[in-house]
Amino acid sequence: EKALIYLGRYLYRGVIREKDIVACENGQVTFRYQDSKTKRMASRTVSGAEFLWLILQHVLPKRFRRTRNFGFLHPNSKCLIGLIQYLLGFNPNRALAWIKERPRLLCPLCGAKMMVVATRIPPFLSPGQPTVPIPGVAAGALVM
C-alpha cells in the first residue's frame, strides 16, 4: 500500500490520484477512474501487477520529454508565443476575420434585440438522464 502511495506522488501529475486508490487488499487494488465513454466515475479491481502495468504504460521511455511543458508550449510562455507570431508575421485578428458574427434575434413586436437565456434542447444528455431546470426561467424564454 505504501508503494502505491509513493508511486502516486512520484509520477508526473500522477496517472491516478492518491485519493482514487480505494483499497489494496490481498494483492488486489481497487481504484476509481473516469470512464472515457460515459464520463462517469467507475471503479475497477485488478491484481497489483496489472495495476503497476497500467501505471507504467503512462511513463515515458528514457530520454523522452513531455513537449507540452517546454519552450513555447509551456503554460507560462504567452509572451514567447506573441514574439513568435510577430516574427512570423502572423496576425491573429486577420486569422479570425473569416468568422462571421451571428445575426441578432429581434423581437417580432417591437424590433428590440433579444438575448437567449435558455434553450429547450438539453446538450448531450443520454436518454433517461434528468434535466436541470433553471429556477425562475421558462424553457426557451428570451429576454429583451
N, C-alpha and C. Protein backbone atom coordinates (compact mmCIF):
# COMPACT_ATOMS: atom_id res chain seq x y z
N GLU A 1 0.83 -1.19 0.00
CA GLU A 1 0.00 0.00 0.00
C GLU A 1 0.87 1.26 0.00
N LYS A 2 1.96 1.25 0.79
CA LYS A 2 2.85 2.41 0.81
C LYS A 2 3.52 2.62 -0.54
N ALA A 3 3.81 1.52 -1.23
CA ALA A 3 4.41 1.63 -2.55
C ALA A 3 3.45 2.31 -3.53
N LEU A 4 2.16 2.01 -3.43
CA LEU A 4 1.17 2.64 -4.31
C LEU A 4 1.09 4.13 -4.03
N ILE A 5 1.10 4.50 -2.76
CA ILE A 5 1.05 5.92 -2.40
C ILE A 5 2.29 6.64 -2.92
N TYR A 6 3.45 5.99 -2.79
CA TYR A 6 4.70 6.57 -3.28
C TYR A 6 4.63 6.78 -4.79
N LEU A 7 4.18 5.77 -5.52
CA LEU A 7 4.09 5.89 -6.97
C LEU A 7 3.14 7.01 -7.37
N GLY A 8 2.03 7.12 -6.66
CA GLY A 8 1.07 8.17 -6.97
C GLY A 8 1.67 9.56 -6.82
N ARG A 9 2.56 9.74 -5.85
CA ARG A 9 3.21 11.04 -5.65
C ARG A 9 4.37 11.24 -6.61
N TYR A 10 5.06 10.16 -6.96
CA TYR A 10 6.27 10.25 -7.74
C TYR A 10 6.00 10.58 -9.20
N LEU A 11 5.03 9.94 -9.78
CA LEU A 11 4.77 10.11 -11.20
C LEU A 11 4.31 11.53 -11.50
N TYR A 12 4.67 12.03 -12.69
CA TYR A 12 4.29 13.38 -13.09
C TYR A 12 2.78 13.52 -13.08
N ARG A 13 2.29 14.42 -12.26
CA ARG A 13 0.86 14.69 -12.12
C ARG A 13 0.07 13.43 -11.82
N GLY A 14 0.75 12.39 -11.55
CA GLY A 14 0.10 11.13 -11.22
C GLY A 14 -0.84 10.65 -12.30
N VAL A 15 -0.71 9.44 -12.67
CA VAL A 15 -1.65 8.83 -13.60
C VAL A 15 -2.98 8.69 -12.89
N ILE A 16 -2.88 8.45 -11.59
CA ILE A 16 -4.07 8.30 -10.77
C ILE A 16 -3.80 9.03 -9.45
N ARG A 17 -4.79 9.74 -8.98
CA ARG A 17 -4.62 10.47 -7.72
C ARG A 17 -4.64 9.50 -6.55
N GLU A 18 -3.95 9.90 -5.51
CA GLU A 18 -3.86 9.05 -4.32
C GLU A 18 -5.24 8.74 -3.75
N LYS A 19 -6.13 9.73 -3.77
CA LYS A 19 -7.46 9.52 -3.20
C LYS A 19 -8.33 8.60 -4.06
N ASP A 20 -7.91 8.34 -5.31
CA ASP A 20 -8.68 7.45 -6.17
C ASP A 20 -8.29 5.98 -6.02
N ILE A 21 -7.23 5.71 -5.25
CA ILE A 21 -6.90 4.32 -4.92
C ILE A 21 -7.75 3.97 -3.71
N VAL A 22 -8.79 3.21 -3.92
CA VAL A 22 -9.79 2.94 -2.89
C VAL A 22 -9.30 1.90 -1.90
N ALA A 23 -8.74 0.79 -2.38
CA ALA A 23 -8.33 -0.29 -1.48
C ALA A 23 -7.17 -1.07 -2.08
N CYS A 24 -6.39 -1.67 -1.19
CA CYS A 24 -5.29 -2.54 -1.59
C CYS A 24 -5.27 -3.69 -0.59
N GLU A 25 -5.92 -4.79 -0.95
CA GLU A 25 -6.06 -5.92 -0.03
C GLU A 25 -5.81 -7.23 -0.77
N ASN A 26 -5.08 -8.12 -0.15
CA ASN A 26 -4.82 -9.46 -0.69
C ASN A 26 -4.25 -9.43 -2.11
N GLY A 27 -3.38 -8.47 -2.38
CA GLY A 27 -2.77 -8.37 -3.70
C GLY A 27 -3.68 -7.80 -4.77
N GLN A 28 -4.85 -7.34 -4.38
CA GLN A 28 -5.81 -6.74 -5.32
C GLN A 28 -5.90 -5.24 -5.05
N VAL A 29 -5.91 -4.45 -6.10
CA VAL A 29 -6.00 -2.99 -5.97
C VAL A 29 -7.32 -2.54 -6.58
N THR A 30 -8.09 -1.77 -5.81
CA THR A 30 -9.34 -1.20 -6.30
C THR A 30 -9.13 0.30 -6.46
N PHE A 31 -9.46 0.82 -7.63
CA PHE A 31 -9.27 2.25 -7.88
C PHE A 31 -10.46 2.80 -8.65
N ARG A 32 -10.65 4.12 -8.52
CA ARG A 32 -11.69 4.84 -9.26
C ARG A 32 -11.06 5.51 -10.46
N TYR A 33 -11.84 5.63 -11.52
CA TYR A 33 -11.39 6.33 -12.71
C TYR A 33 -12.60 6.87 -13.45
N GLN A 34 -12.36 7.80 -14.36
CA GLN A 34 -13.46 8.34 -15.16
C GLN A 34 -13.54 7.56 -16.46
N ASP A 35 -14.68 6.96 -16.71
CA ASP A 35 -14.89 6.20 -17.93
C ASP A 35 -14.92 7.17 -19.10
N SER A 36 -14.09 6.94 -20.12
CA SER A 36 -13.98 7.89 -21.23
C SER A 36 -15.23 7.91 -22.10
N LYS A 37 -16.03 6.85 -22.09
CA LYS A 37 -17.23 6.82 -22.91
C LYS A 37 -18.41 7.48 -22.22
N THR A 38 -18.62 7.14 -20.96
CA THR A 38 -19.80 7.66 -20.25
C THR A 38 -19.49 8.92 -19.45
N LYS A 39 -18.20 9.25 -19.27
CA LYS A 39 -17.75 10.41 -18.49
C LYS A 39 -18.18 10.32 -17.03
N ARG A 40 -18.48 9.12 -16.57
CA ARG A 40 -18.87 8.92 -15.17
C ARG A 40 -17.76 8.18 -14.44
N MET A 41 -17.71 8.36 -13.14
CA MET A 41 -16.73 7.67 -12.32
C MET A 41 -17.11 6.19 -12.21
N ALA A 42 -16.12 5.33 -12.34
CA ALA A 42 -16.32 3.89 -12.21
C ALA A 42 -15.18 3.34 -11.36
N SER A 43 -15.35 2.15 -10.84
CA SER A 43 -14.27 1.54 -10.06
C SER A 43 -13.87 0.22 -10.72
N ARG A 44 -12.64 -0.17 -10.46
CA ARG A 44 -12.11 -1.38 -11.07
C ARG A 44 -11.17 -2.04 -10.07
N THR A 45 -11.20 -3.34 -9.99
CA THR A 45 -10.30 -4.10 -9.12
C THR A 45 -9.43 -4.99 -10.00
N VAL A 46 -8.11 -4.85 -9.85
CA VAL A 46 -7.14 -5.64 -10.62
C VAL A 46 -6.06 -6.14 -9.67
N SER A 47 -5.24 -7.05 -10.16
CA SER A 47 -4.13 -7.53 -9.34
C SER A 47 -3.09 -6.41 -9.23
N GLY A 48 -2.23 -6.51 -8.23
CA GLY A 48 -1.20 -5.49 -8.04
C GLY A 48 -0.29 -5.37 -9.24
N ALA A 49 0.08 -6.50 -9.85
CA ALA A 49 0.96 -6.48 -11.03
C ALA A 49 0.27 -5.79 -12.21
N GLU A 50 -1.00 -6.08 -12.41
CA GLU A 50 -1.73 -5.44 -13.52
C GLU A 50 -1.88 -3.95 -13.27
N PHE A 51 -2.11 -3.56 -12.01
CA PHE A 51 -2.22 -2.15 -11.67
C PHE A 51 -0.92 -1.42 -12.00
N LEU A 52 0.22 -2.01 -11.61
CA LEU A 52 1.52 -1.40 -11.93
C LEU A 52 1.73 -1.33 -13.44
N TRP A 53 1.29 -2.35 -14.18
CA TRP A 53 1.41 -2.33 -15.63
C TRP A 53 0.59 -1.18 -16.23
N LEU A 54 -0.62 -0.98 -15.71
CA LEU A 54 -1.46 0.12 -16.20
C LEU A 54 -0.79 1.46 -15.95
N ILE A 55 -0.16 1.62 -14.79
CA ILE A 55 0.52 2.88 -14.48
C ILE A 55 1.75 3.06 -15.36
N LEU A 56 2.54 2.00 -15.53
CA LEU A 56 3.78 2.10 -16.30
C LEU A 56 3.54 2.38 -17.77
N GLN A 57 2.35 2.14 -18.27
CA GLN A 57 2.05 2.48 -19.66
C GLN A 57 2.07 3.99 -19.87
N HIS A 58 1.96 4.77 -18.79
CA HIS A 58 1.95 6.22 -18.89
C HIS A 58 3.32 6.85 -18.63
N VAL A 59 4.32 6.04 -18.31
CA VAL A 59 5.67 6.56 -18.06
C VAL A 59 6.40 6.61 -19.39
N LEU A 60 7.03 7.76 -19.67
CA LEU A 60 7.74 7.93 -20.93
C LEU A 60 9.04 7.14 -20.92
N PRO A 61 9.48 6.64 -22.08
CA PRO A 61 10.76 5.93 -22.16
C PRO A 61 11.92 6.87 -21.84
N LYS A 62 13.09 6.28 -21.58
CA LYS A 62 14.29 7.05 -21.26
C LYS A 62 14.60 8.03 -22.39
N ARG A 63 15.03 9.23 -22.02
CA ARG A 63 15.42 10.32 -22.92
C ARG A 63 14.23 10.98 -23.62
N PHE A 64 13.00 10.58 -23.34
CA PHE A 64 11.83 11.25 -23.91
C PHE A 64 11.39 12.36 -22.96
N ARG A 65 10.81 13.42 -23.50
CA ARG A 65 10.33 14.54 -22.70
C ARG A 65 8.90 14.86 -23.10
N ARG A 66 8.16 15.39 -22.14
CA ARG A 66 6.81 15.87 -22.44
C ARG A 66 6.95 17.24 -23.09
N THR A 67 6.73 17.31 -24.38
CA THR A 67 7.00 18.56 -25.10
C THR A 67 6.04 19.67 -24.73
N ARG A 68 4.87 19.33 -24.21
CA ARG A 68 3.92 20.39 -23.88
C ARG A 68 4.39 21.22 -22.71
N ASN A 69 5.45 20.82 -22.02
CA ASN A 69 5.94 21.55 -20.87
C ASN A 69 7.22 22.32 -21.15
N PHE A 70 7.66 22.38 -22.38
CA PHE A 70 8.92 23.04 -22.70
C PHE A 70 8.71 24.05 -23.81
N GLY A 71 9.62 25.03 -23.88
CA GLY A 71 9.61 26.01 -24.95
C GLY A 71 8.33 26.82 -25.01
N PHE A 72 7.88 27.10 -26.22
CA PHE A 72 6.69 27.94 -26.37
C PHE A 72 5.41 27.19 -26.01
N LEU A 73 5.48 25.89 -25.77
CA LEU A 73 4.30 25.13 -25.35
C LEU A 73 4.11 25.16 -23.84
N HIS A 74 5.06 25.72 -23.11
CA HIS A 74 4.94 25.80 -21.65
C HIS A 74 3.78 26.72 -21.28
N PRO A 75 3.02 26.41 -20.23
CA PRO A 75 1.87 27.24 -19.85
C PRO A 75 2.20 28.70 -19.56
N ASN A 76 3.44 29.01 -19.16
CA ASN A 76 3.79 30.40 -18.83
C ASN A 76 4.46 31.13 -19.99
N SER A 77 4.29 30.70 -21.21
CA SER A 77 5.04 31.29 -22.32
C SER A 77 4.17 32.12 -23.26
N LYS A 78 3.18 32.82 -22.75
CA LYS A 78 2.32 33.63 -23.61
C LYS A 78 3.11 34.74 -24.32
N CYS A 79 4.09 35.33 -23.63
CA CYS A 79 4.92 36.37 -24.25
C CYS A 79 5.73 35.79 -25.40
N LEU A 80 6.25 34.59 -25.21
CA LEU A 80 7.04 33.95 -26.25
C LEU A 80 6.17 33.63 -27.46
N ILE A 81 4.94 33.22 -27.25
CA ILE A 81 4.03 32.94 -28.37
C ILE A 81 3.76 34.23 -29.14
N GLY A 82 3.56 35.34 -28.42
CA GLY A 82 3.37 36.63 -29.08
C GLY A 82 4.57 37.02 -29.91
N LEU A 83 5.78 36.78 -29.40
CA LEU A 83 7.00 37.09 -30.14
C LEU A 83 7.11 36.21 -31.39
N ILE A 84 6.81 34.95 -31.26
CA ILE A 84 6.86 34.03 -32.42
C ILE A 84 5.86 34.47 -33.48
N GLN A 85 4.65 34.86 -33.06
CA GLN A 85 3.65 35.33 -34.02
C GLN A 85 4.14 36.59 -34.73
N TYR A 86 4.78 37.49 -33.99
CA TYR A 86 5.30 38.73 -34.58
C TYR A 86 6.40 38.42 -35.60
N LEU A 87 7.34 37.56 -35.22
CA LEU A 87 8.46 37.23 -36.11
C LEU A 87 7.99 36.51 -37.38
N LEU A 88 6.93 35.72 -37.27
CA LEU A 88 6.41 35.01 -38.43
C LEU A 88 5.42 35.84 -39.24
N GLY A 89 5.09 37.04 -38.75
CA GLY A 89 4.14 37.89 -39.45
C GLY A 89 2.71 37.39 -39.33
N PHE A 90 2.42 36.68 -38.28
CA PHE A 90 1.08 36.13 -38.07
C PHE A 90 0.22 37.16 -37.37
N ASN A 91 -0.95 37.44 -37.92
CA ASN A 91 -1.88 38.37 -37.31
C ASN A 91 -3.11 37.59 -36.85
N PRO A 92 -3.25 37.36 -35.51
CA PRO A 92 -4.38 36.57 -35.04
C PRO A 92 -5.73 37.20 -35.37
N ASN A 93 -5.78 38.54 -35.44
CA ASN A 93 -7.04 39.21 -35.78
C ASN A 93 -7.45 38.89 -37.21
N ARG A 94 -6.48 38.85 -38.12
CA ARG A 94 -6.79 38.53 -39.51
C ARG A 94 -7.20 37.07 -39.65
N ALA A 95 -6.60 36.21 -38.85
CA ALA A 95 -6.93 34.79 -38.91
C ALA A 95 -8.36 34.53 -38.45
N LEU A 96 -8.86 35.36 -37.55
CA LEU A 96 -10.22 35.19 -37.04
C LEU A 96 -11.25 36.02 -37.82
N ALA A 97 -10.80 36.78 -38.83
CA ALA A 97 -11.70 37.66 -39.56
C ALA A 97 -12.76 36.90 -40.35
N TRP A 98 -12.50 35.67 -40.74
CA TRP A 98 -13.45 34.90 -41.53
C TRP A 98 -14.64 34.44 -40.70
N ILE A 99 -14.53 34.49 -39.38
CA ILE A 99 -15.65 34.09 -38.53
C ILE A 99 -16.69 35.21 -38.54
N LYS A 100 -17.89 34.88 -38.96
CA LYS A 100 -18.94 35.89 -39.05
C LYS A 100 -19.72 35.97 -37.74
N GLU A 101 -20.16 37.16 -37.42
CA GLU A 101 -20.96 37.35 -36.21
C GLU A 101 -22.36 36.78 -36.45
N ARG A 102 -22.91 36.17 -35.42
CA ARG A 102 -24.26 35.61 -35.53
C ARG A 102 -25.28 36.74 -35.69
N PRO A 103 -26.30 36.51 -36.49
CA PRO A 103 -27.33 37.54 -36.61
C PRO A 103 -28.08 37.70 -35.29
N ARG A 104 -28.42 38.93 -34.97
CA ARG A 104 -29.13 39.22 -33.72
C ARG A 104 -30.58 38.75 -33.81
N LEU A 105 -31.09 38.28 -32.68
CA LEU A 105 -32.50 37.93 -32.60
C LEU A 105 -33.27 39.21 -32.31
N LEU A 106 -34.28 39.48 -33.10
CA LEU A 106 -35.07 40.69 -32.92
C LEU A 106 -36.49 40.32 -32.51
N CYS A 107 -37.05 41.12 -31.62
CA CYS A 107 -38.42 40.91 -31.17
C CYS A 107 -39.36 41.19 -32.35
N PRO A 108 -40.28 40.27 -32.65
CA PRO A 108 -41.19 40.50 -33.77
C PRO A 108 -42.18 41.64 -33.52
N LEU A 109 -42.38 42.02 -32.25
CA LEU A 109 -43.33 43.08 -31.94
C LEU A 109 -42.70 44.46 -31.98
N CYS A 110 -41.59 44.65 -31.23
CA CYS A 110 -41.01 46.00 -31.13
C CYS A 110 -39.70 46.16 -31.88
N GLY A 111 -39.07 45.06 -32.32
CA GLY A 111 -37.82 45.14 -33.07
C GLY A 111 -36.58 45.27 -32.20
N ALA A 112 -36.71 45.17 -30.87
CA ALA A 112 -35.56 45.28 -29.98
C ALA A 112 -34.73 43.99 -30.03
N LYS A 113 -33.43 44.11 -29.68
CA LYS A 113 -32.55 42.94 -29.64
C LYS A 113 -32.97 42.03 -28.49
N MET A 114 -32.94 40.72 -28.73
CA MET A 114 -33.27 39.76 -27.67
C MET A 114 -32.04 38.92 -27.35
N MET A 115 -32.00 38.39 -26.13
CA MET A 115 -30.88 37.58 -25.69
C MET A 115 -31.42 36.21 -25.26
N VAL A 116 -30.76 35.13 -25.69
CA VAL A 116 -31.17 33.78 -25.32
C VAL A 116 -30.71 33.52 -23.89
N VAL A 117 -31.62 33.12 -23.02
CA VAL A 117 -31.26 32.80 -21.63
C VAL A 117 -31.40 31.32 -21.34
N ALA A 118 -32.10 30.57 -22.18
CA ALA A 118 -32.24 29.13 -22.01
C ALA A 118 -32.70 28.53 -23.33
N THR A 119 -32.45 27.25 -23.52
CA THR A 119 -32.91 26.56 -24.71
C THR A 119 -33.72 25.34 -24.31
N ARG A 120 -34.46 24.82 -25.26
CA ARG A 120 -35.28 23.65 -24.99
C ARG A 120 -34.52 22.35 -25.19
N ILE A 121 -33.48 22.37 -25.99
CA ILE A 121 -32.74 21.15 -26.30
C ILE A 121 -31.60 21.00 -25.29
N PRO A 122 -31.67 19.99 -24.41
CA PRO A 122 -30.57 19.80 -23.46
C PRO A 122 -29.34 19.25 -24.19
N PRO A 123 -28.15 19.78 -23.92
CA PRO A 123 -26.95 19.36 -24.64
C PRO A 123 -26.44 18.00 -24.19
N PHE A 124 -26.27 17.08 -25.13
CA PHE A 124 -25.61 15.79 -24.93
C PHE A 124 -26.13 15.00 -23.74
N LEU A 125 -27.43 14.96 -23.53
CA LEU A 125 -27.98 14.16 -22.45
C LEU A 125 -28.35 12.79 -22.99
N SER A 126 -28.01 11.77 -22.26
CA SER A 126 -28.38 10.43 -22.68
C SER A 126 -29.84 10.20 -22.33
N PRO A 127 -30.51 9.28 -23.02
CA PRO A 127 -31.92 9.02 -22.74
C PRO A 127 -32.12 8.59 -21.28
N GLY A 128 -33.12 9.17 -20.66
CA GLY A 128 -33.43 8.84 -19.27
C GLY A 128 -32.68 9.67 -18.25
N GLN A 129 -31.71 10.51 -18.71
CA GLN A 129 -30.96 11.34 -17.76
C GLN A 129 -31.81 12.57 -17.43
N PRO A 130 -31.96 12.90 -16.15
CA PRO A 130 -32.81 14.03 -15.79
C PRO A 130 -32.20 15.37 -16.22
N THR A 131 -33.07 16.32 -16.57
CA THR A 131 -32.61 17.66 -16.92
C THR A 131 -32.67 18.54 -15.69
N VAL A 132 -31.86 19.58 -15.70
CA VAL A 132 -31.82 20.50 -14.57
C VAL A 132 -32.47 21.81 -15.00
N PRO A 133 -33.66 22.13 -14.49
CA PRO A 133 -34.32 23.38 -14.90
C PRO A 133 -33.65 24.59 -14.25
N ILE A 134 -33.71 25.73 -14.93
CA ILE A 134 -33.20 26.98 -14.39
C ILE A 134 -34.32 27.61 -13.58
N PRO A 135 -34.10 27.86 -12.27
CA PRO A 135 -35.18 28.40 -11.44
C PRO A 135 -35.62 29.78 -11.92
N GLY A 136 -36.91 29.97 -12.02
CA GLY A 136 -37.47 31.27 -12.38
C GLY A 136 -37.45 31.58 -13.86
N VAL A 137 -36.98 30.65 -14.70
CA VAL A 137 -36.92 30.90 -16.14
C VAL A 137 -37.62 29.75 -16.85
N ALA A 138 -38.55 30.10 -17.72
CA ALA A 138 -39.24 29.09 -18.52
C ALA A 138 -38.30 28.60 -19.61
N ALA A 139 -38.41 27.36 -20.01
CA ALA A 139 -37.55 26.80 -21.05
C ALA A 139 -37.75 27.55 -22.35
N GLY A 140 -36.65 27.97 -22.98
CA GLY A 140 -36.72 28.68 -24.25
C GLY A 140 -37.10 30.15 -24.10
N ALA A 141 -37.11 30.68 -22.89
CA ALA A 141 -37.50 32.07 -22.68
C ALA A 141 -36.44 33.01 -23.22
N LEU A 142 -36.86 34.12 -23.74
CA LEU A 142 -35.96 35.15 -24.24
C LEU A 142 -36.16 36.43 -23.45
N VAL A 143 -35.07 37.18 -23.29
CA VAL A 143 -35.11 38.44 -22.55
C VAL A 143 -34.72 39.55 -23.50
N MET A 144 -35.38 40.70 -23.37
CA MET A 144 -35.04 41.85 -24.20
C MET A 144 -34.21 42.83 -23.40
